[in-house]
C-alpha atoms as a PDB file:
ATOM      1  CA  MET A   1       0.000   0.000   0.000  1.00  0.00           C
ATOM      2  CA  SER A   2       1.216   3.487  -0.770  1.00  0.00           C
ATOM      3  CA  PRO A   3       1.723   6.033   2.025  1.00  0.00           C
ATOM      4  CA  GLN A   4      -1.337   7.945   0.798  1.00  0.00           C
ATOM      5  CA  GLU A   5      -3.474   4.805   0.908  1.00  0.00           C
ATOM      6  CA  LEU A   6      -2.247   4.008   4.414  1.00  0.00           C
ATOM      7  CA  GLN A   7      -2.991   7.545   5.596  1.00  0.00           C
ATOM      8  CA  ARG A   8      -6.471   7.375   4.092  1.00  0.00           C
ATOM      9  CA  ARG A   9      -7.041   3.981   5.727  1.00  0.00           C
ATOM     10  CA  HIS A  10      -5.842   5.356   9.064  1.00  0.00           C
ATOM     11  CA  ARG A  11      -8.320   8.268   8.842  1.00  0.00           C
ATOM     12  CA  GLN A  12     -11.165   5.905   7.921  1.00  0.00           C
ATOM     13  CA  LEU A  13     -10.385   3.598  10.824  1.00  0.00           C
ATOM     14  CA  ARG A  14     -10.226   6.493  13.293  1.00  0.00           C
ATOM     15  CA  GLN A  15     -13.641   7.643  12.084  1.00  0.00           C
ATOM     16  CA  ALA A  16     -15.018   4.110  12.327  1.00  0.00           C
ATOM     17  CA  LEU A  17     -13.654   3.791  15.863  1.00  0.00           C
ATOM     18  CA  GLU A  18     -15.216   7.113  16.846  1.00  0.00           C
ATOM     19  CA  GLN A  19     -18.560   5.944  15.438  1.00  0.00           C
ATOM     20  CA  ALA A  20     -18.288   2.600  17.227  1.00  0.00           C
ATOM     21  CA  TYR A  21     -17.702   4.349  20.548  1.00  0.00           C
ATOM     22  CA  ALA A  22     -20.713   6.622  19.885  1.00  0.00           C
ATOM     23  CA  GLN A  23     -23.041   3.604  19.696  1.00  0.00           C
ATOM     24  CA  THR A  24     -24.843   2.502  22.823  1.00  0.00           C
ATOM     25  CA  PRO A  25     -24.219  -0.114  23.983  1.00  0.00           C
ATOM     26  CA  TRP A  26     -20.677  -0.511  22.702  1.00  0.00           C
ATOM     27  CA  ASN A  27     -19.939  -3.452  20.465  1.00  0.00           C
ATOM     28  CA  SER A  28     -16.625  -4.432  22.046  1.00  0.00           C
ATOM     29  CA  ARG A  29     -15.771  -6.958  19.325  1.00  0.00           C
ATOM     30  CA  GLN A  30     -16.177  -4.297  16.652  1.00  0.00           C
ATOM     31  CA  ILE A  31     -14.142  -1.780  18.689  1.00  0.00           C
ATOM     32  CA  ASP A  32     -11.367  -4.339  19.250  1.00  0.00           C
ATOM     33  CA  ARG A  33     -11.280  -5.245  15.549  1.00  0.00           C
ATOM     34  CA  ILE A  34     -11.083  -1.596  14.471  1.00  0.00           C
ATOM     35  CA  ALA A  35      -8.444  -0.847  17.110  1.00  0.00           C
ATOM     36  CA  ASP A  36      -6.338  -3.803  15.927  1.00  0.00           C
ATOM     37  CA  GLU A  37      -6.563  -2.655  12.296  1.00  0.00           C
ATOM     38  CA  LEU A  38      -5.745   0.900  13.350  1.00  0.00           C
ATOM     39  CA  THR A  39      -2.662  -0.314  15.217  1.00  0.00           C
ATOM     40  CA  GLU A  40      -1.438  -2.334  12.241  1.00  0.00           C
ATOM     41  CA  THR A  41      -2.005   0.596   9.889  1.00  0.00           C
ATOM     42  CA  ALA A  42      -0.116   2.960  12.207  1.00  0.00           C
ATOM     43  CA  ARG A  43       2.775   0.473  12.398  1.00  0.00           C
ATOM     44  CA  ALA A  44       2.881   0.195   8.601  1.00  0.00           C
ATOM     45  CA  LEU A  45       3.000   3.985   8.320  1.00  0.00           C
ATOM     46  CA  ALA A  46       5.815   4.133  10.867  1.00  0.00           C
ATOM     47  CA  ARG A  47       7.793   1.476   8.974  1.00  0.00           C
ATOM     48  CA  LEU A  48       7.414   3.437   5.740  1.00  0.00           C
ATOM     49  CA  GLU A  49       8.536   6.639   7.429  1.00  0.00           C
ATOM     50  CA  MET A  50      11.597   4.908   8.907  1.00  0.00           C
ATOM     51  CA  LEU A  51      12.470   3.376   5.560  1.00  0.00           C
ATOM     52  CA  SER A  52      12.012   6.693   3.814  1.00  0.00           C
ATOM     53  CA  ALA A  53      14.284   8.413   6.345  1.00  0.00           C
ATOM     54  CA  ARG A  54      16.982   5.788   5.795  1.00  0.00           C
ATOM     55  CA  LEU A  55      16.838   6.082   2.028  1.00  0.00           C
ATOM     56  CA  SER A  56      16.823   9.877   1.821  1.00  0.00           C
ATOM     57  CA  PRO A  57      20.188  11.548   1.578  1.00  0.00           C
ATOM     58  CA  PRO A  58      21.139  13.661   4.593  1.00  0.00           C
ATOM     59  CA  ASP A  59      20.555  17.375   4.335  1.00  0.00           C
ATOM     60  CA  ARG A  60      23.749  19.116   3.374  1.00  0.00           C
ATOM     61  CA  PRO A  61      24.302  22.829   3.164  1.00  0.00           C
ATOM     62  CA  GLU A  62      24.790  24.146  -0.332  1.00  0.00           C
ATOM     63  CA  ARG A  63      28.303  24.921  -1.394  1.00  0.00           C
ATOM     64  CA  ARG A  64      28.731  28.352  -2.778  1.00  0.00           C
ATOM     65  CA  ALA A  65      31.671  29.676  -4.656  1.00  0.00           C
ATOM     66  CA  HIS A  66      33.477  32.442  -2.827  1.00  0.00           C
ATOM     67  CA  ALA A  67      33.740  35.726  -4.667  1.00  0.00           C
ATOM     68  CA  THR A  68      37.344  36.864  -4.989  1.00  0.00           C
END
């Protein structure tokens, strides 16, 4: 999944979890399932961010020619 797809999935799951908590009485199985999916999605996003940070070159200041 692309980072954008994971972010969209994360938003959808947060909304679904909010809706599940708004229901009375709570459906604990549904809440647990959504929470598990949300956790896995957040972990996948974190892994992508770590991988991206490792692959990106470090920031280096620009070299400028000195005027003489």
